[in-house]
N, C-alpha and C. Protein backbone atom coordinates (compact mmCIF):
# COMPACT_ATOMS: atom_id res chain seq x y z
N UNK A 1 0.84 -1.20 0.00
CA UNK A 1 0.00 0.00 0.00
C UNK A 1 0.87 1.24 0.00
N UNK A 2 0.59 2.15 -0.94
CA UNK A 2 1.28 3.43 -0.97
C UNK A 2 0.53 4.39 -0.06
N UNK A 3 1.16 4.77 1.05
CA UNK A 3 0.49 5.63 2.02
C UNK A 3 0.66 7.10 1.68
N UNK A 4 -0.29 7.91 2.15
CA UNK A 4 -0.14 9.36 2.10
C UNK A 4 0.88 9.73 3.17
N UNK A 5 1.80 10.61 2.84
CA UNK A 5 2.83 10.99 3.79
C UNK A 5 2.70 12.46 4.19
N UNK A 6 3.28 12.78 5.32
CA UNK A 6 3.31 14.16 5.80
C UNK A 6 4.39 14.90 5.05
N UNK A 7 3.99 15.89 4.26
CA UNK A 7 4.97 16.67 3.49
C UNK A 7 5.87 17.45 4.45
N UNK A 8 7.15 17.57 4.13
CA UNK A 8 8.04 18.33 5.02
C UNK A 8 7.69 19.81 5.01
N UNK A 9 7.90 20.47 6.14
CA UNK A 9 7.76 21.92 6.17
C UNK A 9 8.77 22.55 5.22
N UNK A 10 8.42 23.64 4.56
CA UNK A 10 9.37 24.27 3.65
C UNK A 10 10.37 25.20 4.33
N UNK A 11 10.39 25.20 5.65
CA UNK A 11 11.29 26.06 6.43
C UNK A 11 11.39 25.47 7.83
N UNK A 12 12.28 26.02 8.64
CA UNK A 12 12.44 25.54 10.01
C UNK A 12 11.21 25.90 10.85
N UNK A 13 11.00 25.15 11.94
CA UNK A 13 9.81 25.37 12.77
C UNK A 13 9.75 26.78 13.37
N UNK A 14 10.90 27.41 13.58
CA UNK A 14 10.91 28.74 14.17
C UNK A 14 11.02 29.87 13.14
N UNK A 15 10.92 29.54 11.85
CA UNK A 15 11.19 30.51 10.79
C UNK A 15 10.12 31.60 10.67
N UNK A 16 8.91 31.34 11.17
CA UNK A 16 7.83 32.32 11.05
C UNK A 16 7.62 33.13 12.33
N UNK A 17 8.43 32.87 13.35
CA UNK A 17 8.29 33.57 14.62
C UNK A 17 8.63 35.05 14.45
N UNK A 18 7.99 35.93 15.24
CA UNK A 18 7.03 35.64 16.31
C UNK A 18 5.58 35.49 15.83
N UNK A 19 5.31 35.69 14.53
CA UNK A 19 3.93 35.60 14.05
C UNK A 19 3.35 34.21 14.30
N UNK A 20 4.09 33.18 13.91
CA UNK A 20 3.72 31.79 14.18
C UNK A 20 4.96 31.16 14.82
N UNK A 21 4.87 30.87 16.09
CA UNK A 21 6.04 30.39 16.82
C UNK A 21 6.29 28.90 16.59
N UNK A 22 7.49 28.49 16.98
CA UNK A 22 7.84 27.06 16.87
C UNK A 22 6.89 26.21 17.70
N UNK A 23 6.44 26.74 18.83
CA UNK A 23 5.50 25.98 19.68
C UNK A 23 4.20 25.73 18.93
N UNK A 24 3.68 26.76 18.27
CA UNK A 24 2.45 26.58 17.50
C UNK A 24 2.67 25.57 16.38
N UNK A 25 3.77 25.69 15.65
CA UNK A 25 4.02 24.76 14.55
C UNK A 25 4.20 23.34 15.06
N UNK A 26 4.81 23.19 16.23
CA UNK A 26 5.00 21.84 16.77
C UNK A 26 3.66 21.15 17.01
N UNK A 27 2.65 21.92 17.42
CA UNK A 27 1.32 21.36 17.62
C UNK A 27 0.53 21.30 16.31
N UNK A 28 0.56 22.41 15.57
CA UNK A 28 -0.25 22.52 14.35
C UNK A 28 0.21 21.54 13.28
N UNK A 29 1.50 21.57 12.99
CA UNK A 29 2.07 20.67 11.98
C UNK A 29 2.32 19.28 12.57
N UNK A 30 2.96 19.25 13.73
CA UNK A 30 3.40 17.98 14.30
C UNK A 30 2.30 17.13 14.89
N UNK A 31 1.18 17.75 15.30
CA UNK A 31 0.07 16.99 15.90
C UNK A 31 -1.17 17.00 15.00
N UNK A 32 -1.69 18.20 14.70
CA UNK A 32 -2.92 18.27 13.90
C UNK A 32 -2.72 17.74 12.48
N UNK A 33 -1.78 18.34 11.76
CA UNK A 33 -1.54 17.94 10.37
C UNK A 33 -1.12 16.47 10.30
N UNK A 34 -0.18 16.09 11.14
CA UNK A 34 0.27 14.69 11.15
C UNK A 34 -0.87 13.75 11.53
N UNK A 35 -1.75 14.22 12.40
CA UNK A 35 -2.89 13.39 12.81
C UNK A 35 -3.85 13.12 11.67
N UNK A 36 -4.08 14.12 10.82
CA UNK A 36 -4.93 13.90 9.65
C UNK A 36 -4.32 12.86 8.72
N UNK A 37 -3.00 12.90 8.56
CA UNK A 37 -2.32 11.93 7.70
C UNK A 37 -2.51 10.51 8.24
N UNK A 38 -2.27 10.36 9.54
CA UNK A 38 -2.40 9.03 10.15
C UNK A 38 -3.84 8.52 10.05
N UNK A 39 -4.80 9.39 10.33
CA UNK A 39 -6.21 8.99 10.28
C UNK A 39 -6.62 8.61 8.87
N UNK A 40 -6.21 9.43 7.89
CA UNK A 40 -6.60 9.13 6.51
C UNK A 40 -6.05 7.79 6.05
N UNK A 41 -4.80 7.51 6.35
CA UNK A 41 -4.23 6.22 5.94
C UNK A 41 -5.02 5.05 6.53
N UNK A 42 -5.49 5.21 7.75
CA UNK A 42 -6.32 4.17 8.35
C UNK A 42 -7.67 4.04 7.68
N UNK A 43 -8.26 5.18 7.30
CA UNK A 43 -9.59 5.17 6.68
C UNK A 43 -9.59 4.59 5.27
N UNK A 44 -8.51 4.85 4.51
CA UNK A 44 -8.53 4.41 3.10
C UNK A 44 -7.99 3.00 2.90
N UNK A 45 -7.35 2.44 3.91
CA UNK A 45 -6.79 1.09 3.77
C UNK A 45 -7.89 0.09 3.37
N UNK A 46 -7.66 -0.63 2.28
CA UNK A 46 -8.60 -1.64 1.82
C UNK A 46 -9.82 -1.09 1.10
N UNK A 47 -9.82 0.21 0.79
CA UNK A 47 -10.96 0.81 0.10
C UNK A 47 -10.56 1.19 -1.33
N UNK A 48 -11.51 1.71 -2.08
CA UNK A 48 -11.23 2.15 -3.46
C UNK A 48 -10.26 3.32 -3.50
N UNK A 49 -10.08 3.99 -2.36
CA UNK A 49 -9.19 5.15 -2.31
C UNK A 49 -7.72 4.76 -2.09
N UNK A 50 -7.51 3.53 -1.69
CA UNK A 50 -6.14 3.08 -1.41
C UNK A 50 -5.28 3.19 -2.67
N UNK A 51 -4.15 3.86 -2.56
CA UNK A 51 -3.25 4.02 -3.70
C UNK A 51 -3.51 5.25 -4.54
N UNK A 52 -4.63 5.95 -4.30
CA UNK A 52 -4.91 7.18 -5.02
C UNK A 52 -3.99 8.30 -4.54
N UNK A 53 -3.81 9.31 -5.38
CA UNK A 53 -3.11 10.52 -4.93
C UNK A 53 -4.00 11.26 -3.94
N UNK A 54 -3.39 12.11 -3.14
CA UNK A 54 -4.16 12.90 -2.17
C UNK A 54 -5.21 13.73 -2.89
N UNK A 55 -4.84 14.37 -3.99
CA UNK A 55 -5.77 15.21 -4.73
C UNK A 55 -6.98 14.41 -5.21
N UNK A 56 -6.74 13.21 -5.73
CA UNK A 56 -7.85 12.38 -6.20
C UNK A 56 -8.74 11.94 -5.05
N UNK A 57 -8.15 11.65 -3.92
CA UNK A 57 -8.96 11.27 -2.75
C UNK A 57 -9.88 12.42 -2.36
N UNK A 58 -9.35 13.64 -2.34
CA UNK A 58 -10.18 14.81 -2.01
C UNK A 58 -11.35 14.93 -2.99
N UNK A 59 -11.05 14.89 -4.27
CA UNK A 59 -12.08 15.10 -5.29
C UNK A 59 -13.12 13.99 -5.27
N UNK A 60 -12.68 12.75 -5.26
CA UNK A 60 -13.62 11.64 -5.36
C UNK A 60 -14.41 11.42 -4.07
N UNK A 61 -13.80 11.65 -2.92
CA UNK A 61 -14.53 11.46 -1.66
C UNK A 61 -15.59 12.54 -1.48
N UNK A 62 -15.32 13.76 -1.97
CA UNK A 62 -16.34 14.81 -1.91
C UNK A 62 -17.55 14.40 -2.74
N UNK A 63 -17.31 13.95 -3.97
CA UNK A 63 -18.39 13.56 -4.87
C UNK A 63 -19.18 12.38 -4.31
N UNK A 64 -18.45 11.43 -3.69
CA UNK A 64 -19.10 10.22 -3.17
C UNK A 64 -19.78 10.43 -1.82
N UNK A 65 -19.54 11.59 -1.19
CA UNK A 65 -20.13 11.83 0.11
C UNK A 65 -19.47 11.06 1.24
N UNK A 66 -18.22 10.65 1.03
CA UNK A 66 -17.47 9.95 2.09
C UNK A 66 -16.85 10.99 3.01
N UNK A 67 -17.66 11.46 3.94
CA UNK A 67 -17.33 12.66 4.71
C UNK A 67 -16.05 12.53 5.52
N UNK A 68 -15.86 11.45 6.23
CA UNK A 68 -14.68 11.31 7.08
C UNK A 68 -13.41 11.30 6.24
N UNK A 69 -13.46 10.58 5.13
CA UNK A 69 -12.29 10.53 4.24
C UNK A 69 -12.04 11.90 3.63
N UNK A 70 -13.10 12.56 3.16
CA UNK A 70 -12.94 13.90 2.60
C UNK A 70 -12.35 14.86 3.62
N UNK A 71 -12.91 14.88 4.82
CA UNK A 71 -12.46 15.84 5.82
C UNK A 71 -10.97 15.69 6.11
N UNK A 72 -10.50 14.47 6.28
CA UNK A 72 -9.09 14.26 6.58
C UNK A 72 -8.20 14.54 5.37
N UNK A 73 -8.62 14.09 4.19
CA UNK A 73 -7.82 14.32 2.99
C UNK A 73 -7.74 15.81 2.67
N UNK A 74 -8.88 16.50 2.75
CA UNK A 74 -8.90 17.93 2.44
C UNK A 74 -8.08 18.72 3.45
N UNK A 75 -8.13 18.31 4.71
CA UNK A 75 -7.32 19.01 5.72
C UNK A 75 -5.83 18.82 5.45
N UNK A 76 -5.44 17.64 5.01
CA UNK A 76 -4.03 17.43 4.66
C UNK A 76 -3.66 18.35 3.50
N UNK A 77 -4.48 18.35 2.45
CA UNK A 77 -4.17 19.17 1.28
C UNK A 77 -4.16 20.65 1.63
N UNK A 78 -5.17 21.10 2.39
CA UNK A 78 -5.24 22.51 2.79
C UNK A 78 -4.01 22.92 3.60
N UNK A 79 -3.60 22.06 4.52
CA UNK A 79 -2.43 22.39 5.34
C UNK A 79 -1.15 22.40 4.50
N UNK A 80 -0.99 21.43 3.62
CA UNK A 80 0.18 21.46 2.72
C UNK A 80 0.23 22.79 1.98
N UNK A 81 -0.93 23.24 1.51
CA UNK A 81 -1.01 24.49 0.74
C UNK A 81 -0.75 25.69 1.63
N UNK A 82 -1.25 25.64 2.86
CA UNK A 82 -1.06 26.74 3.82
C UNK A 82 0.42 26.93 4.15
N UNK A 83 1.13 25.86 4.45
CA UNK A 83 2.55 26.01 4.80
C UNK A 83 3.32 26.64 3.63
N UNK A 84 2.96 26.27 2.42
CA UNK A 84 3.65 26.84 1.25
C UNK A 84 3.16 28.25 0.92
N UNK A 85 2.01 28.62 1.45
CA UNK A 85 1.50 29.98 1.27
C UNK A 85 2.20 30.99 2.17
N UNK A 86 2.98 30.49 3.11
CA UNK A 86 3.70 31.35 4.05
C UNK A 86 5.19 31.34 3.74
N UNK A 87 5.85 32.40 4.15
CA UNK A 87 7.30 32.51 3.95
C UNK A 87 7.90 33.20 5.17
N UNK A 88 9.13 32.84 5.53
CA UNK A 88 9.77 33.49 6.68
C UNK A 88 9.80 35.01 6.57
N UNK A 89 10.05 35.53 5.40
CA UNK A 89 10.05 36.98 5.19
C UNK A 89 9.32 37.30 3.89
N UNK A 90 8.07 37.74 4.03
CA UNK A 90 7.27 38.01 2.85
C UNK A 90 7.85 39.08 1.94
N UNK A 91 8.75 39.90 2.48
CA UNK A 91 9.37 40.95 1.65
C UNK A 91 10.24 40.34 0.55
N UNK A 92 10.67 39.10 0.76
CA UNK A 92 11.46 38.40 -0.25
C UNK A 92 10.59 37.62 -1.23
N UNK A 93 9.27 37.76 -1.09
CA UNK A 93 8.33 36.95 -1.87
C UNK A 93 7.33 37.84 -2.59
N UNK A 94 7.83 38.70 -3.45
CA UNK A 94 6.98 39.64 -4.17
C UNK A 94 6.26 38.94 -5.33
N UNK A 95 5.08 39.44 -5.69
CA UNK A 95 4.35 38.84 -6.81
C UNK A 95 5.05 39.08 -8.14
N UNK A 96 4.87 38.15 -9.06
CA UNK A 96 5.39 38.30 -10.41
C UNK A 96 4.62 39.41 -11.13
N UNK A 97 5.18 39.96 -12.21
CA UNK A 97 4.42 40.95 -12.99
C UNK A 97 3.07 40.42 -13.47
N UNK A 98 3.02 39.14 -13.84
CA UNK A 98 1.76 38.53 -14.30
C UNK A 98 0.72 38.52 -13.19
N UNK A 99 1.14 38.10 -11.99
CA UNK A 99 0.20 38.07 -10.87
C UNK A 99 -0.21 39.48 -10.48
N UNK A 100 0.73 40.38 -10.44
CA UNK A 100 0.44 41.76 -10.05
C UNK A 100 -0.56 42.40 -11.02
N UNK A 101 -0.41 42.11 -12.29
CA UNK A 101 -1.36 42.63 -13.29
C UNK A 101 -2.76 42.07 -13.05
N UNK A 102 -2.83 40.78 -12.73
CA UNK A 102 -4.13 40.16 -12.44
C UNK A 102 -4.75 40.73 -11.17
N UNK A 103 -3.91 40.97 -10.16
CA UNK A 103 -4.38 41.57 -8.91
C UNK A 103 -4.93 42.97 -9.18
N UNK A 104 -4.20 43.77 -9.92
CA UNK A 104 -4.65 45.13 -10.22
C UNK A 104 -5.96 45.12 -11.00
N UNK A 105 -6.06 44.21 -11.97
CA UNK A 105 -7.28 44.13 -12.78
C UNK A 105 -8.49 43.70 -11.95
N UNK A 106 -8.27 42.85 -10.97
CA UNK A 106 -9.37 42.28 -10.19
C UNK A 106 -9.73 43.09 -8.95
N UNK A 107 -8.73 43.70 -8.32
CA UNK A 107 -8.96 44.39 -7.05
C UNK A 107 -8.68 45.90 -7.10
N UNK A 108 -7.97 46.34 -8.13
CA UNK A 108 -7.62 47.75 -8.23
C UNK A 108 -6.23 48.07 -7.74
N UNK A 109 -5.76 47.26 -6.77
CA UNK A 109 -4.41 47.46 -6.25
C UNK A 109 -4.00 46.25 -5.43
N UNK A 110 -2.69 46.13 -5.22
CA UNK A 110 -2.15 45.05 -4.39
C UNK A 110 -2.65 45.19 -2.95
N UNK A 111 -2.68 46.40 -2.44
CA UNK A 111 -3.15 46.63 -1.07
C UNK A 111 -4.62 46.26 -0.92
N UNK A 112 -5.42 46.54 -1.94
CA UNK A 112 -6.84 46.18 -1.88
C UNK A 112 -7.03 44.67 -1.88
N UNK A 113 -6.19 43.96 -2.62
CA UNK A 113 -6.25 42.51 -2.63
C UNK A 113 -5.92 41.96 -1.25
N UNK A 114 -4.85 42.46 -0.65
CA UNK A 114 -4.46 42.00 0.69
C UNK A 114 -5.54 42.32 1.70
N UNK A 115 -6.17 43.49 1.58
CA UNK A 115 -7.24 43.87 2.50
C UNK A 115 -8.44 42.94 2.36
N UNK A 116 -8.78 42.57 1.13
CA UNK A 116 -9.91 41.66 0.91
C UNK A 116 -9.63 40.28 1.48
N UNK A 117 -8.40 39.81 1.32
CA UNK A 117 -8.03 38.50 1.86
C UNK A 117 -8.06 38.52 3.39
N UNK A 118 -7.54 39.59 3.97
CA UNK A 118 -7.55 39.72 5.43
C UNK A 118 -8.98 39.80 5.96
N UNK A 119 -9.83 40.54 5.26
CA UNK A 119 -11.22 40.70 5.69
C UNK A 119 -11.94 39.35 5.68
N UNK A 120 -11.72 38.56 4.63
CA UNK A 120 -12.35 37.24 4.55
C UNK A 120 -11.87 36.33 5.67
N UNK A 121 -10.59 36.43 5.99
CA UNK A 121 -10.03 35.59 7.06
C UNK A 121 -10.60 35.98 8.42
N UNK A 122 -10.69 37.26 8.68
CA UNK A 122 -11.19 37.73 9.97
C UNK A 122 -12.67 37.42 10.13
N UNK A 123 -13.43 37.54 9.05
CA UNK A 123 -14.89 37.38 9.13
C UNK A 123 -15.37 35.94 8.97
N UNK A 124 -14.45 35.01 8.67
CA UNK A 124 -14.85 33.60 8.56
C UNK A 124 -15.39 33.16 9.92
N UNK A 125 -16.67 32.83 10.00
CA UNK A 125 -17.26 32.43 11.27
C UNK A 125 -16.80 31.03 11.64
N UNK A 126 -16.27 30.87 12.83
CA UNK A 126 -15.79 29.57 13.27
C UNK A 126 -14.50 29.20 12.55
N UNK A 127 -14.30 27.91 12.35
CA UNK A 127 -13.06 27.41 11.76
C UNK A 127 -13.14 27.42 10.25
N UNK A 128 -12.00 27.64 9.61
CA UNK A 128 -11.98 27.59 8.16
C UNK A 128 -10.77 28.24 7.55
N UNK A 129 -10.95 28.72 6.32
CA UNK A 129 -9.84 29.15 5.48
C UNK A 129 -10.25 30.36 4.66
N UNK A 130 -9.29 31.25 4.36
CA UNK A 130 -9.50 32.36 3.42
C UNK A 130 -8.55 32.16 2.25
N UNK A 131 -9.10 32.16 1.05
CA UNK A 131 -8.37 31.81 -0.17
C UNK A 131 -8.32 32.95 -1.16
N UNK A 132 -7.20 33.10 -1.83
CA UNK A 132 -7.12 33.87 -3.06
C UNK A 132 -7.11 32.85 -4.18
N UNK A 133 -8.09 32.96 -5.09
CA UNK A 133 -8.21 31.98 -6.17
C UNK A 133 -8.36 32.69 -7.51
N UNK A 134 -7.98 32.00 -8.56
CA UNK A 134 -8.28 32.42 -9.92
C UNK A 134 -9.57 31.73 -10.33
N UNK A 135 -10.52 32.52 -10.81
CA UNK A 135 -11.85 31.96 -11.11
C UNK A 135 -12.47 32.76 -12.25
N UNK A 136 -12.82 32.06 -13.31
CA UNK A 136 -13.52 32.67 -14.45
C UNK A 136 -12.77 33.89 -14.98
N UNK A 137 -11.46 33.76 -15.10
CA UNK A 137 -10.66 34.81 -15.72
C UNK A 137 -10.27 35.97 -14.84
N UNK A 138 -10.59 35.89 -13.54
CA UNK A 138 -10.16 36.95 -12.64
C UNK A 138 -9.80 36.37 -11.29
N UNK A 139 -9.23 37.18 -10.43
CA UNK A 139 -8.89 36.75 -9.08
C UNK A 139 -10.00 37.16 -8.13
N UNK A 140 -10.33 36.26 -7.22
CA UNK A 140 -11.34 36.54 -6.20
C UNK A 140 -10.89 35.97 -4.87
N UNK A 141 -11.45 36.51 -3.81
CA UNK A 141 -11.21 36.01 -2.47
C UNK A 141 -12.44 35.22 -2.04
N UNK A 142 -12.22 34.04 -1.49
CA UNK A 142 -13.30 33.20 -0.99
C UNK A 142 -12.91 32.69 0.39
N UNK A 143 -13.89 32.29 1.17
CA UNK A 143 -13.58 31.58 2.41
C UNK A 143 -14.38 30.29 2.45
N UNK A 144 -13.79 29.27 3.07
CA UNK A 144 -14.45 27.97 3.17
C UNK A 144 -14.48 27.54 4.63
N UNK A 145 -15.53 26.85 5.06
CA UNK A 145 -15.61 26.39 6.44
C UNK A 145 -14.91 25.06 6.65
N UNK A 146 -14.46 24.86 7.87
CA UNK A 146 -13.96 23.57 8.31
C UNK A 146 -12.91 23.00 7.35
N UNK A 147 -13.17 21.82 6.76
CA UNK A 147 -12.19 21.20 5.86
C UNK A 147 -12.45 21.53 4.39
N UNK A 148 -13.46 22.31 4.11
CA UNK A 148 -13.80 22.56 2.70
C UNK A 148 -12.64 23.23 1.98
N UNK A 149 -12.58 23.01 0.68
CA UNK A 149 -11.44 23.44 -0.11
C UNK A 149 -11.89 23.74 -1.54
N UNK A 150 -11.25 24.69 -2.22
CA UNK A 150 -11.58 24.90 -3.63
C UNK A 150 -10.96 23.86 -4.56
N UNK A 151 -10.09 23.01 -4.03
CA UNK A 151 -9.45 21.99 -4.86
C UNK A 151 -10.50 21.15 -5.58
N UNK A 152 -10.33 21.02 -6.89
CA UNK A 152 -11.21 20.17 -7.67
C UNK A 152 -12.49 20.82 -8.14
N UNK A 153 -12.71 22.08 -7.77
CA UNK A 153 -13.91 22.77 -8.24
C UNK A 153 -13.66 23.29 -9.66
N UNK A 154 -14.57 23.02 -10.58
CA UNK A 154 -14.35 23.42 -11.97
C UNK A 154 -14.07 24.92 -12.12
N UNK A 155 -13.01 25.23 -12.84
CA UNK A 155 -12.70 26.62 -13.13
C UNK A 155 -12.09 27.41 -12.00
N UNK A 156 -11.74 26.74 -10.90
CA UNK A 156 -11.18 27.43 -9.74
C UNK A 156 -9.77 26.94 -9.49
N UNK A 157 -8.83 27.87 -9.33
CA UNK A 157 -7.43 27.53 -9.10
C UNK A 157 -6.94 28.25 -7.86
N UNK A 158 -6.67 27.55 -6.76
CA UNK A 158 -6.18 28.21 -5.55
C UNK A 158 -4.78 28.80 -5.76
N UNK A 159 -4.58 30.00 -5.21
CA UNK A 159 -3.28 30.66 -5.30
C UNK A 159 -2.60 30.81 -3.95
N UNK A 160 -3.37 31.17 -2.93
CA UNK A 160 -2.86 31.37 -1.56
C UNK A 160 -3.97 31.04 -0.58
N UNK A 161 -3.57 30.71 0.66
CA UNK A 161 -4.58 30.48 1.69
C UNK A 161 -4.07 30.92 3.06
N UNK A 162 -5.00 31.35 3.90
CA UNK A 162 -4.72 31.64 5.31
C UNK A 162 -5.60 30.72 6.15
N UNK A 163 -4.99 30.02 7.07
CA UNK A 163 -5.70 29.12 7.98
C UNK A 163 -6.23 29.93 9.16
N UNK A 164 -7.54 29.87 9.40
CA UNK A 164 -8.09 30.55 10.57
C UNK A 164 -8.81 29.59 11.52
N UNK A 165 -8.41 28.32 11.48
CA UNK A 165 -8.79 27.45 12.59
C UNK A 165 -8.07 27.97 13.83
N UNK A 166 -8.70 27.84 14.98
CA UNK A 166 -8.09 28.40 16.20
C UNK A 166 -6.72 27.81 16.49
N UNK A 167 -6.50 26.53 16.14
CA UNK A 167 -5.20 25.94 16.46
C UNK A 167 -4.07 26.56 15.64
N UNK A 168 -4.43 27.35 14.59
CA UNK A 168 -3.40 28.00 13.79
C UNK A 168 -2.78 29.21 14.50
N UNK A 169 -3.52 29.77 15.46
CA UNK A 169 -3.03 31.01 16.06
C UNK A 169 -3.24 31.14 17.57
N UNK A 170 -3.99 30.25 18.20
CA UNK A 170 -4.41 30.51 19.57
C UNK A 170 -3.27 30.51 20.58
N UNK A 171 -2.28 29.66 20.40
CA UNK A 171 -1.16 29.65 21.35
C UNK A 171 -0.39 30.96 21.32
N UNK A 172 -0.33 31.59 20.15
CA UNK A 172 0.43 32.84 20.00
C UNK A 172 -0.41 34.10 20.19
N UNK A 173 -1.67 34.05 19.74
CA UNK A 173 -2.48 35.27 19.69
C UNK A 173 -3.75 35.19 20.52
N UNK A 174 -4.02 34.04 21.15
CA UNK A 174 -5.26 33.80 21.87
C UNK A 174 -6.45 34.14 20.96
N UNK A 175 -7.36 35.02 21.39
CA UNK A 175 -8.55 35.28 20.57
C UNK A 175 -8.38 36.43 19.59
N UNK A 176 -7.16 36.93 19.43
CA UNK A 176 -6.91 38.09 18.55
C UNK A 176 -6.67 37.62 17.11
N UNK A 177 -7.69 37.03 16.51
CA UNK A 177 -7.55 36.53 15.15
C UNK A 177 -7.14 37.64 14.19
N UNK A 178 -7.72 38.82 14.34
CA UNK A 178 -7.42 39.92 13.41
C UNK A 178 -5.95 40.30 13.45
N UNK A 179 -5.35 40.26 14.64
CA UNK A 179 -3.93 40.60 14.76
C UNK A 179 -3.06 39.55 14.09
N UNK A 180 -3.42 38.27 14.28
CA UNK A 180 -2.71 37.18 13.60
C UNK A 180 -2.80 37.34 12.09
N UNK A 181 -4.01 37.58 11.60
CA UNK A 181 -4.21 37.71 10.15
C UNK A 181 -3.40 38.88 9.60
N UNK A 182 -3.43 40.01 10.30
CA UNK A 182 -2.67 41.19 9.84
C UNK A 182 -1.18 40.87 9.76
N UNK A 183 -0.66 40.18 10.79
CA UNK A 183 0.77 39.84 10.80
C UNK A 183 1.13 38.91 9.65
N UNK A 184 0.25 37.96 9.34
CA UNK A 184 0.49 37.05 8.23
C UNK A 184 0.44 37.80 6.90
N UNK A 185 -0.61 38.58 6.71
CA UNK A 185 -0.79 39.28 5.43
C UNK A 185 0.32 40.31 5.20
N UNK A 186 0.70 41.02 6.24
CA UNK A 186 1.71 42.06 6.10
C UNK A 186 3.14 41.52 5.96
N UNK A 187 3.39 40.34 6.56
CA UNK A 187 4.78 39.91 6.62
C UNK A 187 5.14 38.53 6.15
N UNK A 188 4.14 37.68 5.88
CA UNK A 188 4.50 36.28 5.63
C UNK A 188 3.82 35.60 4.45
N UNK A 189 3.05 36.32 3.65
CA UNK A 189 2.43 35.66 2.49
C UNK A 189 3.47 35.43 1.40
N UNK A 190 3.45 34.23 0.84
CA UNK A 190 4.44 33.84 -0.16
C UNK A 190 3.87 34.11 -1.56
N UNK A 191 4.07 35.32 -2.03
CA UNK A 191 3.53 35.71 -3.33
C UNK A 191 4.28 35.06 -4.48
N UNK A 192 5.48 34.57 -4.22
CA UNK A 192 6.20 33.78 -5.25
C UNK A 192 5.46 32.47 -5.48
N UNK A 193 5.02 31.84 -4.40
CA UNK A 193 4.22 30.61 -4.50
C UNK A 193 2.92 30.89 -5.27
N UNK A 194 2.25 32.00 -4.92
CA UNK A 194 1.01 32.37 -5.62
C UNK A 194 1.28 32.62 -7.09
N UNK A 195 2.41 33.25 -7.40
CA UNK A 195 2.76 33.54 -8.80
C UNK A 195 2.94 32.26 -9.59
N UNK A 196 3.52 31.25 -8.97
CA UNK A 196 3.68 29.95 -9.64
C UNK A 196 2.35 29.27 -9.88
N UNK A 197 1.40 29.48 -8.97
CA UNK A 197 0.09 28.82 -9.09
C UNK A 197 -0.80 29.43 -10.15
N UNK A 198 -0.56 30.68 -10.51
CA UNK A 198 -1.43 31.34 -11.48
C UNK A 198 -1.10 30.91 -12.91
N UNK A 199 0.06 30.31 -13.12
CA UNK A 199 0.48 29.92 -14.48
C UNK A 199 -0.34 28.75 -15.02
């Protein structure tokens, strides 16, 4: 059986501090994310999903209504995407000219795009995600609850995501979600990663 594996972090556990500390990553990545991987491998063993790619498991389990499998698979994929959406120093991760042109066309300015993404993250009720996606020829901001994901939705291409489940920020920021989101948006979004995703 080919198991789903926990993707390595793209940086050291303390690389995002103080916005996201090593303690938070040790729990968020080392316990929550790793836990989804372990649970999913147990759920798919001996089923039609065994041996599928993670992306295919997400897409097919959503369609089939296999909720437990979808929730764990989507959480793994969302977290993989979230870690790559962040960078130790966002100032080194500027958007490509292509992405910047799309941002300007869709939002009017780079600052307006960041503000829309932050607003979606702060206003997401309960647990979930705020996404920058390419959709129908333009860029839009969306938010999804719980494990939901834009992956596999026709005509939608995820570019960046912010995790607003409480375990993403509570050890560092307690209930100050807006402060966490501002720190991420201002200093840690990986626009180079987003630029690669728009191609």
